[in-house]
Amino acid sequence: MTEKTLAEQYAEGLEAMAAMLRERPHLAEHLLYTGIDGINIPVAMSGSPAATVAEFARSGAAHSATVDKDYSGDWAGVVLRWGPVGLHVYARREQVCERGAEHIDIDAELASILEGQS
C-alpha cells in the first residue's frame, strides 16, 4: 500500500469534515469563531512567493472561490473565499507587489484574475 500524499490527506480530512457537517448541520454554528473563514497560508519562504500567491488565486478562481487582494503593512496576498470558508495566502509585500502611487498591483496575471471576477 502506498502512503498518501499530503494533498490527499488534507482533501480526505476536509471531505470528512464536510460530511460530518452535512449529517449534523447544527454543529456548523460552532465554527463561526474558529478562523476557518481565513486560514493563514504564509508563502514567504516558498521558492517563488509571487508565483505561489498567483497559483492559489488561479486555482481558487477555477474552483468557484471569490478572490480578493489583501494587503496590510509589510504583508500582501489574496483571500480566497468559498462562502464562510477562506484561505489567506500571503507573503512579504515586496515579494509579491509593486508599489504604485495610490495602490498596490499584484502581478499582471493575478490582476487579470481579479478583474475577471467583477
PDB file of N, CA and C in Angstrom:
ATOM      1  N   MET A   1       0.845  -1.180   0.000  1.00  0.00           N
ATOM      2  CA  MET A   1       0.000   0.000   0.000  1.00  0.00           C
ATOM      3  C   MET A   1       0.889   1.241   0.000  1.00  0.00           C
ATOM      4  N   THR A   2       0.593   2.182  -0.895  1.00  0.00           N
ATOM      5  CA  THR A   2       1.394   3.396  -0.944  1.00  0.00           C
ATOM      6  C   THR A   2       0.883   4.418   0.061  1.00  0.00           C
ATOM      7  N   GLU A   3       1.814   5.197   0.562  1.00  0.00           N
ATOM      8  CA  GLU A   3       1.468   6.236   1.515  1.00  0.00           C
ATOM      9  C   GLU A   3       0.755   7.369   0.792  1.00  0.00           C
ATOM     10  N   LYS A   4      -0.235   7.947   1.425  1.00  0.00           N
ATOM     11  CA  LYS A   4      -0.994   9.039   0.816  1.00  0.00           C
ATOM     12  C   LYS A   4      -0.173  10.316   0.830  1.00  0.00           C
ATOM     13  N   THR A   5      -0.358  11.104  -0.229  1.00  0.00           N
ATOM     14  CA  THR A   5       0.323  12.396  -0.289  1.00  0.00           C
ATOM     15  C   THR A   5      -0.305  13.338   0.727  1.00  0.00           C
ATOM     16  N   LEU A   6       0.399  14.401   1.034  1.00  0.00           N
ATOM     17  CA  LEU A   6      -0.136  15.405   1.943  1.00  0.00           C
ATOM     18  C   LEU A   6      -1.428  15.992   1.366  1.00  0.00           C
ATOM     19  N   ALA A   7      -1.453  16.230   0.054  1.00  0.00           N
ATOM     20  CA  ALA A   7      -2.666  16.761  -0.586  1.00  0.00           C
ATOM     21  C   ALA A   7      -3.841  15.800  -0.397  1.00  0.00           C
ATOM     22  N   GLU A   8      -3.609  14.511  -0.570  1.00  0.00           N
ATOM     23  CA  GLU A   8      -4.669  13.522  -0.371  1.00  0.00           C
ATOM     24  C   GLU A   8      -5.151  13.501   1.078  1.00  0.00           C
ATOM     25  N   GLN A   9      -4.212  13.610   2.016  1.00  0.00           N
ATOM     26  CA  GLN A   9      -4.581  13.613   3.430  1.00  0.00           C
ATOM     27  C   GLN A   9      -5.437  14.837   3.771  1.00  0.00           C
ATOM     28  N   TYR A  10      -5.024  16.020   3.271  1.00  0.00           N
ATOM     29  CA  TYR A  10      -5.824  17.234   3.510  1.00  0.00           C
ATOM     30  C   TYR A  10      -7.204  17.089   2.888  1.00  0.00           C
ATOM     31  N   ALA A  11      -7.267  16.640   1.621  1.00  0.00           N
ATOM     32  CA  ALA A  11      -8.546  16.510   0.926  1.00  0.00           C
ATOM     33  C   ALA A  11      -9.473  15.547   1.671  1.00  0.00           C
ATOM     34  N   GLU A  12      -8.952  14.423   2.105  1.00  0.00           N
ATOM     35  CA  GLU A  12      -9.773  13.455   2.834  1.00  0.00           C
ATOM     36  C   GLU A  12     -10.275  14.033   4.152  1.00  0.00           C
ATOM     37  N   GLY A  13      -9.409  14.753   4.841  1.00  0.00           N
ATOM     38  CA  GLY A  13      -9.828  15.371   6.097  1.00  0.00           C
ATOM     39  C   GLY A  13     -10.925  16.403   5.888  1.00  0.00           C
ATOM     40  N   LEU A  14     -10.768  17.249   4.859  1.00  0.00           N
ATOM     41  CA  LEU A  14     -11.793  18.256   4.570  1.00  0.00           C
ATOM     42  C   LEU A  14     -13.097  17.614   4.106  1.00  0.00           C
ATOM     43  N   GLU A  15     -12.999  16.563   3.290  1.00  0.00           N
ATOM     44  CA  GLU A  15     -14.199  15.849   2.847  1.00  0.00           C
ATOM     45  C   GLU A  15     -14.925  15.201   4.026  1.00  0.00           C
ATOM     46  N   ALA A  16     -14.167  14.645   4.962  1.00  0.00           N
ATOM     47  CA  ALA A  16     -14.777  14.029   6.145  1.00  0.00           C
ATOM     48  C   ALA A  16     -15.469  15.090   7.002  1.00  0.00           C
ATOM     49  N   MET A  17     -14.825  16.262   7.166  1.00  0.00           N
ATOM     50  CA  MET A  17     -15.445  17.327   7.934  1.00  0.00           C
ATOM     51  C   MET A  17     -16.721  17.804   7.244  1.00  0.00           C
ATOM     52  N   ALA A  18     -16.692  17.936   5.911  1.00  0.00           N
ATOM     53  CA  ALA A  18     -17.881  18.342   5.163  1.00  0.00           C
ATOM     54  C   ALA A  18     -19.011  17.326   5.352  1.00  0.00           C
ATOM     55  N   ALA A  19     -18.690  16.049   5.305  1.00  0.00           N
ATOM     56  CA  ALA A  19     -19.698  15.005   5.504  1.00  0.00           C
ATOM     57  C   ALA A  19     -20.307  15.095   6.903  1.00  0.00           C
ATOM     58  N   MET A  20     -19.471  15.355   7.893  1.00  0.00           N
ATOM     59  CA  MET A  20     -19.956  15.490   9.262  1.00  0.00           C
ATOM     60  C   MET A  20     -20.937  16.658   9.362  1.00  0.00           C
ATOM     61  N   LEU A  21     -20.591  17.792   8.737  1.00  0.00           N
ATOM     62  CA  LEU A  21     -21.458  18.971   8.818  1.00  0.00           C
ATOM     63  C   LEU A  21     -22.759  18.771   8.035  1.00  0.00           C
ATOM     64  N   ARG A  22     -22.693  18.028   6.955  1.00  0.00           N
ATOM     65  CA  ARG A  22     -23.932  17.725   6.223  1.00  0.00           C
ATOM     66  C   ARG A  22     -24.848  16.834   7.057  1.00  0.00           C
ATOM     67  N   GLU A  23     -24.247  15.909   7.783  1.00  0.00           N
ATOM     68  CA  GLU A  23     -25.022  14.992   8.612  1.00  0.00           C
ATOM     69  C   GLU A  23     -25.557  15.676   9.863  1.00  0.00           C
ATOM     70  N   ARG A  24     -24.783  16.592  10.409  1.00  0.00           N
ATOM     71  CA  ARG A  24     -25.169  17.287  11.650  1.00  0.00           C
ATOM     72  C   ARG A  24     -24.993  18.802  11.456  1.00  0.00           C
ATOM     73  N   PRO A  25     -25.864  19.431  10.663  1.00  0.00           N
ATOM     74  CA  PRO A  25     -25.693  20.843  10.306  1.00  0.00           C
ATOM     75  C   PRO A  25     -25.714  21.796  11.498  1.00  0.00           C
ATOM     76  N   HIS A  26     -26.325  21.424  12.576  1.00  0.00           N
ATOM     77  CA  HIS A  26     -26.360  22.295  13.756  1.00  0.00           C
ATOM     78  C   HIS A  26     -24.964  22.518  14.345  1.00  0.00           C
ATOM     79  N   LEU A  27     -24.022  21.638  14.035  1.00  0.00           N
ATOM     80  CA  LEU A  27     -22.658  21.828  14.543  1.00  0.00           C
ATOM     81  C   LEU A  27     -21.931  22.980  13.850  1.00  0.00           C
ATOM     82  N   ALA A  28     -22.386  23.358  12.656  1.00  0.00           N
ATOM     83  CA  ALA A  28     -21.717  24.416  11.890  1.00  0.00           C
ATOM     84  C   ALA A  28     -21.678  25.739  12.641  1.00  0.00           C
ATOM     85  N   GLU A  29     -22.720  26.037  13.414  1.00  0.00           N
ATOM     86  CA  GLU A  29     -22.723  27.317  14.129  1.00  0.00           C
ATOM     87  C   GLU A  29     -21.584  27.416  15.143  1.00  0.00           C
ATOM     88  N   HIS A  30     -21.032  26.307  15.556  1.00  0.00           N
ATOM     89  CA  HIS A  30     -19.900  26.329  16.483  1.00  0.00           C
ATOM     90  C   HIS A  30     -18.584  26.659  15.785  1.00  0.00           C
ATOM     91  N   LEU A  31     -18.611  26.711  14.452  1.00  0.00           N
ATOM     92  CA  LEU A  31     -17.407  27.060  13.683  1.00  0.00           C
ATOM     93  C   LEU A  31     -17.296  28.561  13.420  1.00  0.00           C
ATOM     94  N   LEU A  32     -18.295  29.324  13.824  1.00  0.00           N
ATOM     95  CA  LEU A  32     -18.328  30.750  13.494  1.00  0.00           C
ATOM     96  C   LEU A  32     -17.073  31.517  13.905  1.00  0.00           C
ATOM     97  N   TYR A  33     -16.478  31.203  15.011  1.00  0.00           N
ATOM     98  CA  TYR A  33     -15.347  31.990  15.523  1.00  0.00           C
ATOM     99  C   TYR A  33     -14.046  31.197  15.548  1.00  0.00           C
ATOM    100  N   THR A  34     -13.918  30.251  14.645  1.00  0.00           N
ATOM    101  CA  THR A  34     -12.751  29.379  14.653  1.00  0.00           C
ATOM    102  C   THR A  34     -11.593  29.875  13.802  1.00  0.00           C
ATOM    103  N   GLY A  35     -11.844  30.788  12.893  1.00  0.00           N
ATOM    104  CA  GLY A  35     -10.807  31.205  11.959  1.00  0.00           C
ATOM    105  C   GLY A  35     -10.872  30.445  10.648  1.00  0.00           C
ATOM    106  N   ILE A  36     -11.865  29.584  10.480  1.00  0.00           N
ATOM    107  CA  ILE A  36     -12.000  28.824   9.237  1.00  0.00           C
ATOM    108  C   ILE A  36     -12.341  29.755   8.071  1.00  0.00           C
ATOM    109  N   ASP A  37     -12.762  30.982   8.395  1.00  0.00           N
ATOM    110  CA  ASP A  37     -13.076  31.950   7.349  1.00  0.00           C
ATOM    111  C   ASP A  37     -11.832  32.590   6.749  1.00  0.00           C
ATOM    112  N   GLY A  38     -10.686  32.364   7.338  1.00  0.00           N
ATOM    113  CA  GLY A  38      -9.446  32.935   6.820  1.00  0.00           C
ATOM    114  C   GLY A  38      -8.236  32.189   7.339  1.00  0.00           C
ATOM    115  N   ILE A  39      -8.101  30.939   6.970  1.00  0.00           N
ATOM    116  CA  ILE A  39      -6.959  30.127   7.394  1.00  0.00           C
ATOM    117  C   ILE A  39      -5.695  30.735   6.791  1.00  0.00           C
ATOM    118  N   ASN A  40      -4.722  31.044   7.614  1.00  0.00           N
ATOM    119  CA  ASN A  40      -3.486  31.685   7.149  1.00  0.00           C
ATOM    120  C   ASN A  40      -2.563  30.700   6.443  1.00  0.00           C
ATOM    121  N   ILE A  41      -2.126  31.096   5.237  1.00  0.00           N
ATOM    122  CA  ILE A  41      -1.205  30.297   4.429  1.00  0.00           C
ATOM    123  C   ILE A  41      -0.008  31.192   4.091  1.00  0.00           C
ATOM    124  N   PRO A  42       1.024  31.241   4.952  1.00  0.00           N
ATOM    125  CA  PRO A  42       2.193  32.067   4.643  1.00  0.00           C
ATOM    126  C   PRO A  42       3.068  31.393   3.587  1.00  0.00           C
ATOM    127  N   VAL A  43       3.421  32.124   2.537  1.00  0.00           N
ATOM    128  CA  VAL A  43       4.230  31.548   1.464  1.00  0.00           C
ATOM    129  C   VAL A  43       5.540  32.312   1.244  1.00  0.00           C
ATOM    130  N   ALA A  44       5.915  33.167   2.180  1.00  0.00           N
ATOM    131  CA  ALA A  44       7.128  33.979   2.032  1.00  0.00           C
ATOM    132  C   ALA A  44       8.383  33.127   1.866  1.00  0.00           C
ATOM    133  N   MET A  45       8.385  31.921   2.426  1.00  0.00           N
ATOM    134  CA  MET A  45       9.578  31.079   2.352  1.00  0.00           C
ATOM    135  C   MET A  45       9.538  30.105   1.178  1.00  0.00           C
ATOM    136  N   SER A  46       8.478  30.173   0.352  1.00  0.00           N
ATOM    137  CA  SER A  46       8.420  29.291  -0.818  1.00  0.00           C
ATOM    138  C   SER A  46       9.442  29.783  -1.834  1.00  0.00           C
ATOM    139  N   GLY A  47       9.760  28.971  -2.806  1.00  0.00           N
ATOM    140  CA  GLY A  47      10.763  29.338  -3.800  1.00  0.00           C
ATOM    141  C   GLY A  47      10.421  30.600  -4.565  1.00  0.00           C
ATOM    142  N   SER A  48       9.151  30.810  -4.833  1.00  0.00           N
ATOM    143  CA  SER A  48       8.695  31.983  -5.574  1.00  0.00           C
ATOM    144  C   SER A  48       7.357  32.436  -5.005  1.00  0.00           C
ATOM    145  N   PRO A  49       7.384  33.295  -3.984  1.00  0.00           N
ATOM    146  CA  PRO A  49       6.148  33.706  -3.325  1.00  0.00           C
ATOM    147  C   PRO A  49       5.103  34.303  -4.274  1.00  0.00           C
ATOM    148  N   ALA A  50       5.522  35.164  -5.210  1.00  0.00           N
ATOM    149  CA  ALA A  50       4.552  35.779  -6.124  1.00  0.00           C
ATOM    150  C   ALA A  50       3.874  34.717  -6.972  1.00  0.00           C
ATOM    151  N   ALA A  51       4.642  33.756  -7.483  1.00  0.00           N
ATOM    152  CA  ALA A  51       4.069  32.683  -8.300  1.00  0.00           C
ATOM    153  C   ALA A  51       3.141  31.809  -7.460  1.00  0.00           C
ATOM    154  N   THR A  52       3.488  31.579  -6.205  1.00  0.00           N
ATOM    155  CA  THR A  52       2.650  30.757  -5.334  1.00  0.00           C
ATOM    156  C   THR A  52       1.334  31.456  -5.035  1.00  0.00           C
ATOM    157  N   VAL A  53       1.387  32.745  -4.732  1.00  0.00           N
ATOM    158  CA  VAL A  53       0.152  33.512  -4.489  1.00  0.00           C
ATOM    159  C   VAL A  53      -0.711  33.492  -5.745  1.00  0.00           C
ATOM    160  N   ALA A  54      -0.099  33.713  -6.905  1.00  0.00           N
ATOM    161  CA  ALA A  54      -0.853  33.710  -8.166  1.00  0.00           C
ATOM    162  C   ALA A  54      -1.464  32.335  -8.438  1.00  0.00           C
ATOM    163  N   GLU A  55      -0.726  31.271  -8.146  1.00  0.00           N
ATOM    164  CA  GLU A  55      -1.256  29.924  -8.368  1.00  0.00           C
ATOM    165  C   GLU A  55      -2.460  29.645  -7.471  1.00  0.00           C
ATOM    166  N   PHE A  56      -2.369  30.054  -6.201  1.00  0.00           N
ATOM    167  CA  PHE A  56      -3.521  29.904  -5.316  1.00  0.00           C
ATOM    168  C   PHE A  56      -4.710  30.680  -5.871  1.00  0.00           C
ATOM    169  N   ALA A  57      -4.470  31.915  -6.338  1.00  0.00           N
ATOM    170  CA  ALA A  57      -5.556  32.742  -6.871  1.00  0.00           C
ATOM    171  C   ALA A  57      -6.185  32.092  -8.102  1.00  0.00           C
ATOM    172  N   ARG A  58      -5.371  31.634  -9.049  1.00  0.00           N
ATOM    173  CA  ARG A  58      -5.878  30.974 -10.252  1.00  0.00           C
ATOM    174  C   ARG A  58      -6.665  29.712  -9.899  1.00  0.00           C
ATOM    175  N   SER A  59      -6.080  28.889  -9.025  1.00  0.00           N
ATOM    176  CA  SER A  59      -6.726  27.634  -8.649  1.00  0.00           C
ATOM    177  C   SER A  59      -8.022  27.884  -7.885  1.00  0.00           C
ATOM    178  N   GLY A  60      -7.998  28.848  -6.981  1.00  0.00           N
ATOM    179  CA  GLY A  60      -9.215  29.175  -6.238  1.00  0.00           C
ATOM    180  C   GLY A  60     -10.320  29.658  -7.158  1.00  0.00           C
ATOM    181  N   ALA A  61      -9.971  30.573  -8.072  1.00  0.00           N
ATOM    182  CA  ALA A  61     -10.969  31.090  -9.011  1.00  0.00           C
ATOM    183  C   ALA A  61     -11.532  29.962  -9.875  1.00  0.00           C
ATOM    184  N   ALA A  62     -10.672  29.034 -10.293  1.00  0.00           N
ATOM    185  CA  ALA A  62     -11.115  27.896 -11.111  1.00  0.00           C
ATOM    186  C   ALA A  62     -12.029  26.955 -10.340  1.00  0.00           C
ATOM    187  N   HIS A  63     -11.997  27.046  -9.005  1.00  0.00           N
ATOM    188  CA  HIS A  63     -12.832  26.188  -8.164  1.00  0.00           C
ATOM    189  C   HIS A  63     -13.866  27.008  -7.396  1.00  0.00           C
ATOM    190  N   SER A  64     -14.362  28.056  -8.040  1.00  0.00           N
ATOM    191  CA  SER A  64     -15.507  28.842  -7.563  1.00  0.00           C
ATOM    192  C   SER A  64     -15.253  29.714  -6.340  1.00  0.00           C
ATOM    193  N   ALA A  65     -14.014  29.988  -6.006  1.00  0.00           N
ATOM    194  CA  ALA A  65     -13.740  30.908  -4.897  1.00  0.00           C
ATOM    195  C   ALA A  65     -13.855  32.344  -5.393  1.00  0.00           C
ATOM    196  N   THR A  66     -14.255  33.230  -4.500  1.00  0.00           N
ATOM    197  CA  THR A  66     -14.053  34.642  -4.796  1.00  0.00           C
ATOM    198  C   THR A  66     -12.628  34.938  -4.364  1.00  0.00           C
ATOM    199  N   VAL A  67     -11.952  35.781  -5.106  1.00  0.00           N
ATOM    200  CA  VAL A  67     -10.547  36.090  -4.836  1.00  0.00           C
ATOM    201  C   VAL A  67     -10.421  37.598  -4.674  1.00  0.00           C
ATOM    202  N   ASP A  68      -9.870  38.025  -3.552  1.00  0.00           N
ATOM    203  CA  ASP A  68      -9.671  39.446  -3.288  1.00  0.00           C
ATOM    204  C   ASP A  68      -8.225  39.712  -2.902  1.00  0.00           C
ATOM    205  N   LYS A  69      -7.712  40.857  -3.334  1.00  0.00           N
ATOM    206  CA  LYS A  69      -6.393  41.296  -2.880  1.00  0.00           C
ATOM    207  C   LYS A  69      -6.481  41.594  -1.391  1.00  0.00           C
ATOM    208  N   ASP A  70      -5.381  41.413  -0.704  1.00  0.00           N
ATOM    209  CA  ASP A  70      -5.331  41.728   0.718  1.00  0.00           C
ATOM    210  C   ASP A  70      -3.934  42.214   1.044  1.00  0.00           C
ATOM    211  N   TYR A  71      -3.827  43.407   1.570  1.00  0.00           N
ATOM    212  CA  TYR A  71      -2.511  43.911   1.956  1.00  0.00           C
ATOM    213  C   TYR A  71      -2.624  44.806   3.171  1.00  0.00           C
ATOM    214  N   SER A  72      -1.610  44.689   4.005  1.00  0.00           N
ATOM    215  CA  SER A  72      -1.567  45.458   5.237  1.00  0.00           C
ATOM    216  C   SER A  72      -0.128  45.534   5.713  1.00  0.00           C
ATOM    217  N   GLY A  73       0.340  46.741   5.941  1.00  0.00           N
ATOM    218  CA  GLY A  73       1.703  46.898   6.430  1.00  0.00           C
ATOM    219  C   GLY A  73       2.709  46.273   5.492  1.00  0.00           C
ATOM    220  N   ASP A  74       3.508  45.364   6.021  1.00  0.00           N
ATOM    221  CA  ASP A  74       4.566  44.713   5.241  1.00  0.00           C
ATOM    222  C   ASP A  74       4.103  43.464   4.504  1.00  0.00           C
ATOM    223  N   TRP A  75       2.813  43.132   4.549  1.00  0.00           N
ATOM    224  CA  TRP A  75       2.318  41.868   4.005  1.00  0.00           C
ATOM    225  C   TRP A  75       1.311  42.106   2.895  1.00  0.00           C
ATOM    226  N   ALA A  76       1.275  41.185   1.925  1.00  0.00           N
ATOM    227  CA  ALA A  76       0.311  41.285   0.826  1.00  0.00           C
ATOM    228  C   ALA A  76       0.007  39.886   0.302  1.00  0.00           C
ATOM    229  N   GLY A  77      -1.148  39.755  -0.297  1.00  0.00           N
ATOM    230  CA  GLY A  77      -1.530  38.479  -0.877  1.00  0.00           C
ATOM    231  C   GLY A  77      -2.965  38.498  -1.337  1.00  0.00           C
ATOM    232  N   VAL A  78      -3.621  37.358  -1.218  1.00  0.00           N
ATOM    233  CA  VAL A  78      -5.011  37.215  -1.631  1.00  0.00           C
ATOM    234  C   VAL A  78      -5.798  36.459  -0.568  1.00  0.00           C
ATOM    235  N   VAL A  79      -7.103  36.684  -0.597  1.00  0.00           N
ATOM    236  CA  VAL A  79      -8.023  35.915   0.236  1.00  0.00           C
ATOM    237  C   VAL A  79      -8.955  35.181  -0.715  1.00  0.00           C
ATOM    238  N   LEU A  80      -9.017  33.872  -0.566  1.00  0.00           N
ATOM    239  CA  LEU A  80      -9.921  33.027  -1.344  1.00  0.00           C
ATOM    240  C   LEU A  80     -11.088  32.680  -0.445  1.00  0.00           C
ATOM    241  N   ARG A  81     -12.318  32.821  -0.965  1.00  0.00           N
ATOM    242  CA  ARG A  81     -13.489  32.517  -0.141  1.00  0.00           C
ATOM    243  C   ARG A  81     -14.465  31.619  -0.881  1.00  0.00           C
ATOM    244  N   TRP A  82     -14.896  30.615  -0.159  1.00  0.00           N
ATOM    245  CA  TRP A  82     -15.994  29.755  -0.571  1.00  0.00           C
ATOM    246  C   TRP A  82     -17.031  29.889   0.526  1.00  0.00           C
ATOM    247  N   GLY A  83     -17.898  30.862   0.410  1.00  0.00           N
ATOM    248  CA  GLY A  83     -18.859  31.120   1.480  1.00  0.00           C
ATOM    249  C   GLY A  83     -18.129  31.456   2.768  1.00  0.00           C
ATOM    250  N   PRO A  84     -18.429  30.759   3.865  1.00  0.00           N
ATOM    251  CA  PRO A  84     -17.807  31.082   5.147  1.00  0.00           C
ATOM    252  C   PRO A  84     -16.413  30.479   5.339  1.00  0.00           C
ATOM    253  N   VAL A  85     -15.891  29.815   4.313  1.00  0.00           N
ATOM    254  CA  VAL A  85     -14.579  29.174   4.405  1.00  0.00           C
ATOM    255  C   VAL A  85     -13.597  29.971   3.550  1.00  0.00           C
ATOM    256  N   GLY A  86     -12.423  30.253   4.106  1.00  0.00           N
ATOM    257  CA  GLY A  86     -11.465  31.045   3.344  1.00  0.00           C
ATOM    258  C   GLY A  86     -10.021  30.706   3.635  1.00  0.00           C
ATOM    259  N   LEU A  87      -9.184  31.084   2.682  1.00  0.00           N
ATOM    260  CA  LEU A  87      -7.729  30.977   2.823  1.00  0.00           C
ATOM    261  C   LEU A  87      -7.125  32.352   2.623  1.00  0.00           C
ATOM    262  N   HIS A  88      -6.219  32.731   3.506  1.00  0.00           N
ATOM    263  CA  HIS A  88      -5.484  33.992   3.388  1.00  0.00           C
ATOM    264  C   HIS A  88      -4.053  33.621   3.013  1.00  0.00           C
ATOM    265  N   VAL A  89      -3.708  33.814   1.740  1.00  0.00           N
ATOM    266  CA  VAL A  89      -2.398  33.428   1.205  1.00  0.00           C
ATOM    267  C   VAL A  89      -1.563  34.697   1.094  1.00  0.00           C
ATOM    268  N   TYR A  90      -0.428  34.733   1.785  1.00  0.00           N
ATOM    269  CA  TYR A  90       0.311  35.995   1.837  1.00  0.00           C
ATOM    270  C   TYR A  90       1.821  35.777   1.930  1.00  0.00           C
ATOM    271  N   ALA A  91       2.526  36.862   1.609  1.00  0.00           N
ATOM    272  CA  ALA A  91       3.991  36.902   1.724  1.00  0.00           C
ATOM    273  C   ALA A  91       4.373  38.346   2.045  1.00  0.00           C
ATOM    274  N   ARG A  92       5.661  38.587   2.162  1.00  0.00           N
ATOM    275  CA  ARG A  92       6.117  39.959   2.379  1.00  0.00           C
ATOM    276  C   ARG A  92       5.735  40.788   1.156  1.00  0.00           C
ATOM    277  N   ARG A  93       5.295  41.989   1.392  1.00  0.00           N
ATOM    278  CA  ARG A  93       4.775  42.843   0.327  1.00  0.00           C
ATOM    279  C   ARG A  93       5.749  42.973  -0.838  1.00  0.00           C
ATOM    280  N   GLU A  94       7.016  43.185  -0.549  1.00  0.00           N
ATOM    281  CA  GLU A  94       7.979  43.382  -1.641  1.00  0.00           C
ATOM    282  C   GLU A  94       8.201  42.118  -2.467  1.00  0.00           C
ATOM    283  N   GLN A  95       7.777  40.956  -1.952  1.00  0.00           N
ATOM    284  CA  GLN A  95       7.915  39.709  -2.698  1.00  0.00           C
ATOM    285  C   GLN A  95       6.807  39.514  -3.736  1.00  0.00           C
ATOM    286  N   VAL A  96       5.674  40.182  -3.546  1.00  0.00           N
ATOM    287  CA  VAL A  96       4.533  39.930  -4.424  1.00  0.00           C
ATOM    288  C   VAL A  96       3.918  41.178  -5.055  1.00  0.00           C
ATOM    289  N   CYS A  97       4.398  42.348  -4.714  1.00  0.00           N
ATOM    290  CA  CYS A  97       3.750  43.580  -5.167  1.00  0.00           C
ATOM    291  C   CYS A  97       4.735  44.560  -5.768  1.00  0.00           C
ATOM    292  N   GLU A  98       4.152  45.474  -6.549  1.00  0.00           N
ATOM    293  CA  GLU A  98       4.871  46.667  -6.965  1.00  0.00           C
ATOM    294  C   GLU A  98       4.118  47.833  -6.363  1.00  0.00           C
ATOM    295  N   ARG A  99       4.822  48.732  -5.740  1.00  0.00           N
ATOM    296  CA  ARG A  99       4.139  49.868  -5.142  1.00  0.00           C
ATOM    297  C   ARG A  99       3.778  50.887  -6.222  1.00  0.00           C
ATOM    298  N   GLY A 100       2.506  51.244  -6.260  1.00  0.00           N
ATOM    299  CA  GLY A 100       2.039  52.276  -7.172  1.00  0.00           C
ATOM    300  C   GLY A 100       1.831  53.553  -6.392  1.00  0.00           C
ATOM    301  N   ALA A 101       1.506  54.598  -7.087  1.00  0.00           N
ATOM    302  CA  ALA A 101       1.307  55.888  -6.433  1.00  0.00           C
ATOM    303  C   ALA A 101       0.153  55.835  -5.443  1.00  0.00           C
ATOM    304  N   GLU A 102      -0.930  55.141  -5.797  1.00  0.00           N
ATOM    305  CA  GLU A 102      -2.117  55.130  -4.951  1.00  0.00           C
ATOM    306  C   GLU A 102      -2.535  53.748  -4.488  1.00  0.00           C
ATOM    307  N   HIS A 103      -1.986  52.698  -5.081  1.00  0.00           N
ATOM    308  CA  HIS A 103      -2.454  51.363  -4.745  1.00  0.00           C
ATOM    309  C   HIS A 103      -1.356  50.334  -4.984  1.00  0.00           C
ATOM    310  N   ILE A 104      -1.640  49.127  -4.603  1.00  0.00           N
ATOM    311  CA  ILE A 104      -0.705  48.023  -4.799  1.00  0.00           C
ATOM    312  C   ILE A 104      -1.206  47.182  -5.968  1.00  0.00           C
ATOM    313  N   ASP A 105      -0.341  46.896  -6.934  1.00  0.00           N
ATOM    314  CA  ASP A 105      -0.690  45.999  -8.034  1.00  0.00           C
ATOM    315  C   ASP A 105       0.052  44.688  -7.853  1.00  0.00           C
ATOM    316  N   ILE A 106      -0.674  43.618  -7.562  1.00  0.00           N
ATOM    317  CA  ILE A 106      -0.077  42.293  -7.570  1.00  0.00           C
ATOM    318  C   ILE A 106       0.110  41.969  -9.042  1.00  0.00           C
ATOM    319  N   ASP A 107       1.055  41.109  -9.394  1.00  0.00           N
ATOM    320  CA  ASP A 107       1.450  40.916 -10.797  1.00  0.00           C
ATOM    321  C   ASP A 107       0.276  40.895 -11.773  1.00  0.00           C
ATOM    322  N   ALA A 108       0.553  41.171 -13.049  1.00  0.00           N
ATOM    323  CA  ALA A 108      -0.474  41.351 -14.072  1.00  0.00           C
ATOM    324  C   ALA A 108      -1.391  40.139 -14.193  1.00  0.00           C
ATOM    325  N   GLU A 109      -0.845  38.958 -14.079  1.00  0.00           N
ATOM    326  CA  GLU A 109      -1.670  37.754 -14.187  1.00  0.00           C
ATOM    327  C   GLU A 109      -2.714  37.710 -13.081  1.00  0.00           C
ATOM    328  N   LEU A 110      -2.284  37.995 -11.855  1.00  0.00           N
ATOM    329  CA  LEU A 110      -3.211  37.993 -10.738  1.00  0.00           C
ATOM    330  C   LEU A 110      -4.238  39.102 -10.896  1.00  0.00           C
ATOM    331  N   ALA A 111      -3.805  40.269 -11.357  1.00  0.00           N
ATOM    332  CA  ALA A 111      -4.742  41.372 -11.560  1.00  0.00           C
ATOM    333  C   ALA A 111      -5.816  40.971 -12.559  1.00  0.00           C
ATOM    334  N   SER A 112      -5.463  40.253 -13.614  1.00  0.00           N
ATOM    335  CA  SER A 112      -6.461  39.844 -14.605  1.00  0.00           C
ATOM    336  C   SER A 112      -7.433  38.831 -14.016  1.00  0.00           C
ATOM    337  N   ILE A 113      -6.967  37.970 -13.111  1.00  0.00           N
ATOM    338  CA  ILE A 113      -7.860  37.022 -12.429  1.00  0.00           C
ATOM    339  C   ILE A 113      -8.888  37.786 -11.628  1.00  0.00           C
ATOM    340  N   LEU A 114      -8.417  38.782 -10.877  1.00  0.00           N
ATOM    341  CA  LEU A 114      -9.311  39.555 -10.037  1.00  0.00           C
ATOM    342  C   LEU A 114     -10.303  40.363 -10.876  1.00  0.00           C
ATOM    343  N   GLU A 115      -9.850  40.924 -12.004  1.00  0.00           N
ATOM    344  CA  GLU A 115     -10.745  41.686 -12.881  1.00  0.00           C
ATOM    345  C   GLU A 115     -11.798  40.780 -13.485  1.00  0.00           C
ATOM    346  N   GLY A 116     -11.444  39.541 -13.802  1.00  0.00           N
ATOM    347  CA  GLY A 116     -12.380  38.589 -14.396  1.00  0.00           C
ATOM    348  C   GLY A 116     -13.527  38.218 -13.480  1.00  0.00           C
ATOM    349  N   GLN A 117     -13.373  38.468 -12.188  1.00  0.00           N
ATOM    350  CA  GLN A 117     -14.428  38.136 -11.236  1.00  0.00           C
ATOM    351  C   GLN A 117     -15.450  39.249 -11.115  1.00  0.00           C
ATOM    352  N   SER A 118     -15.108  40.437 -11.584  1.00  0.00           N
ATOM    353  CA  SER A 118     -16.008  41.584 -11.419  1.00  0.00           C
ATOM    354  C   SER A 118     -17.241  41.466 -12.278  1.00  0.00           C
TER     355      SER A 118
END
